[in-house]
Structure formats: structure tokens, C-alpha cells
Amino acid sequence: MDVAIVLFTRDLRVHDNPVLAAACARARQVVPAFVVDPALAVPPNRARFLAQSLADLRGALRERGGDLLIRRGDPVAESLRLAADTGARAVFVADDVTRYATRRRERLAAECGGQRLELAV
């Protein structure tokens, strides 16, 4: 496939990241992204930690010739919008067991199916 999106969620690292590795193995171009969900209430210390972690991730991607797109909004809607903008044919996302992540994955699967996008978990 030509283009795939990697939707970073919890695993904000480049080294030994199975989702990123899978996308790189299957796509000619990988678009790394993180979506800040305003529906999640995040305490100030956690928000600061997240910002630092995203800066580290962006730096690691830039060292490898890439970058990190950071968007704000509903992760499902933003992933679909990014896929449309880039011509991506797949969204790669790490599986997670939290209730929020399970709902996000289910919604993403339904919406990707409707858009003929592959969801790789």
C-alpha cells in the first residue's frame, strides 16, 4: 500500500514499537499522528507529561526523517479526516484494554469499514 496512518495512543515510542514497525513494513509512506481528545479530562501534571512525551516522540521521528502530526478533536473523526487528506488506505493503532480504548477501536473499526479503510490493530 502507498500510505498508512499510525495513530499513536499510549505507546509513544519509536524504538521497538510493533504498530509503527508493522505500518513501515506494509506501506511506502507512514503518517504518524496523535489526536488530543478534549473529551478526556487530564490533570495538569499528566498534560505536562504528555506534552513532553509527544515532544520526545516528534524528535525521535524527525531524527529518522519523519514527523508527528498532532491534532485535537475526536480521534476517530480526525483519523478519517487525515486518511482523506493523505490518501491513506489503512490506519494502524495499538490495541488497548481500557474501556475508552475499546470504544475508540470499535468506533474506528466501524468508520474505517464504511470508508473502505483497513484498520490494523
Protein backbone atom coordinates (compact mmCIF):
# COMPACT_ATOMS: atom_id res chain seq x y z
CA MET A 1 0.00 0.00 0.00
CA ASP A 2 1.12 3.52 -0.60
CA VAL A 3 0.10 5.42 2.56
CA ALA A 4 -0.82 4.32 6.08
CA ILE A 5 -1.53 6.25 9.25
CA VAL A 6 -0.08 5.22 12.60
CA LEU A 7 -2.37 6.52 15.32
CA PHE A 8 -0.25 6.75 18.45
CA THR A 9 -2.19 6.30 21.66
CA ARG A 10 -0.34 5.04 24.76
CA ASP A 11 2.87 3.69 23.26
CA LEU A 12 4.69 6.94 22.46
CA ARG A 13 7.99 5.49 21.35
CA VAL A 14 9.71 4.74 18.08
CA HIS A 15 12.14 2.07 19.21
CA ASP A 16 10.57 -1.39 19.28
CA ASN A 17 7.06 -0.13 18.55
CA PRO A 18 5.14 -3.03 16.96
CA VAL A 19 2.42 -0.86 15.39
CA LEU A 20 4.93 1.50 13.79
CA ALA A 21 7.05 -1.42 12.59
CA ALA A 22 4.01 -3.14 11.04
CA ALA A 23 2.99 0.04 9.21
CA CYS A 24 6.53 0.63 7.94
CA ALA A 25 6.70 -2.96 6.68
CA ARG A 26 3.46 -2.62 4.69
CA ALA A 27 3.31 0.97 3.48
CA ARG A 28 5.55 3.05 1.28
CA GLN A 29 4.73 6.17 3.34
CA VAL A 30 3.72 6.24 7.01
CA VAL A 31 1.97 9.22 8.58
CA PRO A 32 2.46 9.21 12.37
CA ALA A 33 -0.31 11.02 14.26
CA PHE A 34 -1.56 11.69 17.76
CA VAL A 35 -5.01 13.10 18.49
CA VAL A 36 -5.59 15.03 21.69
CA ASP A 37 -9.13 14.17 22.72
CA PRO A 38 -10.79 17.11 24.52
CA ALA A 39 -13.38 14.66 25.90
CA LEU A 40 -10.71 13.30 28.26
CA ALA A 41 -10.16 15.32 31.41
CA VAL A 42 -6.41 15.39 32.02
CA PRO A 43 -4.87 16.82 35.19
CA PRO A 44 -2.14 19.46 34.68
CA ASN A 45 0.77 17.19 35.62
CA ARG A 46 -0.38 14.48 33.23
CA ALA A 47 -0.91 17.05 30.47
CA ARG A 48 2.64 18.30 31.00
CA PHE A 49 3.99 14.73 30.90
CA LEU A 50 2.02 14.03 27.71
CA ALA A 51 3.37 17.19 26.07
CA GLN A 52 6.94 16.18 26.96
CA SER A 53 6.36 12.63 25.70
CA LEU A 54 4.93 13.91 22.41
CA ALA A 55 7.90 16.26 22.00
CA ASP A 56 10.26 13.30 22.56
CA LEU A 57 8.32 11.19 20.05
CA ARG A 58 8.36 14.00 17.49
CA GLY A 59 12.11 14.38 17.98
CA ALA A 60 12.71 10.66 17.50
CA LEU A 61 10.62 10.66 14.33
CA ARG A 62 12.42 13.72 12.98
CA GLU A 63 15.78 12.04 13.58
CA ARG A 64 14.53 9.33 11.22
CA GLY A 65 13.27 11.75 8.58
CA GLY A 66 9.64 11.81 9.68
CA ASP A 67 7.43 13.97 11.86
CA LEU A 68 4.41 13.71 14.14
CA LEU A 69 1.08 15.27 13.25
CA ILE A 70 -0.78 16.39 16.36
CA ARG A 71 -4.46 17.11 16.03
CA ARG A 72 -7.17 17.97 18.52
CA GLY A 73 -10.66 16.53 18.43
CA ASP A 74 -12.40 13.20 18.25
CA PRO A 75 -9.71 10.58 17.46
CA VAL A 76 -12.00 8.67 15.08
CA ALA A 77 -13.09 11.73 13.11
CA GLU A 78 -9.57 13.12 12.99
CA SER A 79 -8.13 9.78 11.82
CA LEU A 80 -10.65 9.62 8.99
CA ARG A 81 -10.01 13.23 8.05
CA LEU A 82 -6.26 12.58 7.99
CA ALA A 83 -6.78 9.46 5.86
CA ALA A 84 -8.79 11.51 3.37
CA ASP A 85 -6.18 14.28 3.36
CA THR A 86 -3.26 11.90 2.76
CA GLY A 87 -4.89 9.21 0.64
CA ALA A 88 -4.13 6.60 3.30
CA ARG A 89 -5.63 3.15 2.83
CA ALA A 90 -5.05 1.91 6.40
CA VAL A 91 -4.98 3.09 10.00
CA PHE A 92 -2.65 1.26 12.35
CA VAL A 93 -3.36 1.55 16.08
CA ALA A 94 -2.17 -0.34 19.14
CA ASP A 95 -4.71 -2.50 20.88
CA ASP A 96 -5.60 -1.50 24.43
CA VAL A 97 -7.92 -2.93 27.05
CA THR A 98 -9.29 0.17 28.73
CA ARG A 99 -12.99 0.89 28.26
CA TYR A 100 -12.22 4.16 26.46
CA ALA A 101 -9.73 2.49 24.09
CA THR A 102 -12.10 -0.39 23.37
CA ARG A 103 -14.90 2.02 22.42
CA ARG A 104 -12.48 4.08 20.32
CA ARG A 105 -11.30 0.94 18.48
CA GLU A 106 -14.88 -0.24 17.88
CA ARG A 107 -15.90 3.16 16.52
CA LEU A 108 -12.76 3.34 14.42
CA ALA A 109 -13.40 -0.15 13.02
CA ALA A 110 -16.97 0.76 12.06
CA GLU A 111 -15.98 4.05 10.43
CA CYS A 112 -12.96 2.58 8.65
CA GLY A 113 -15.17 -0.18 7.27
CA GLY A 114 -17.57 2.41 5.91
CA GLN A 115 -14.71 4.26 4.22
CA ARG A 116 -13.02 1.11 2.88
CA LEU A 117 -10.00 1.72 5.09
CA GLU A 118 -8.17 -1.14 6.70
CA LEU A 119 -7.89 -0.97 10.47
CA ALA A 120 -4.78 -2.80 11.62
CA VAL A 121 -4.70 -3.48 15.36
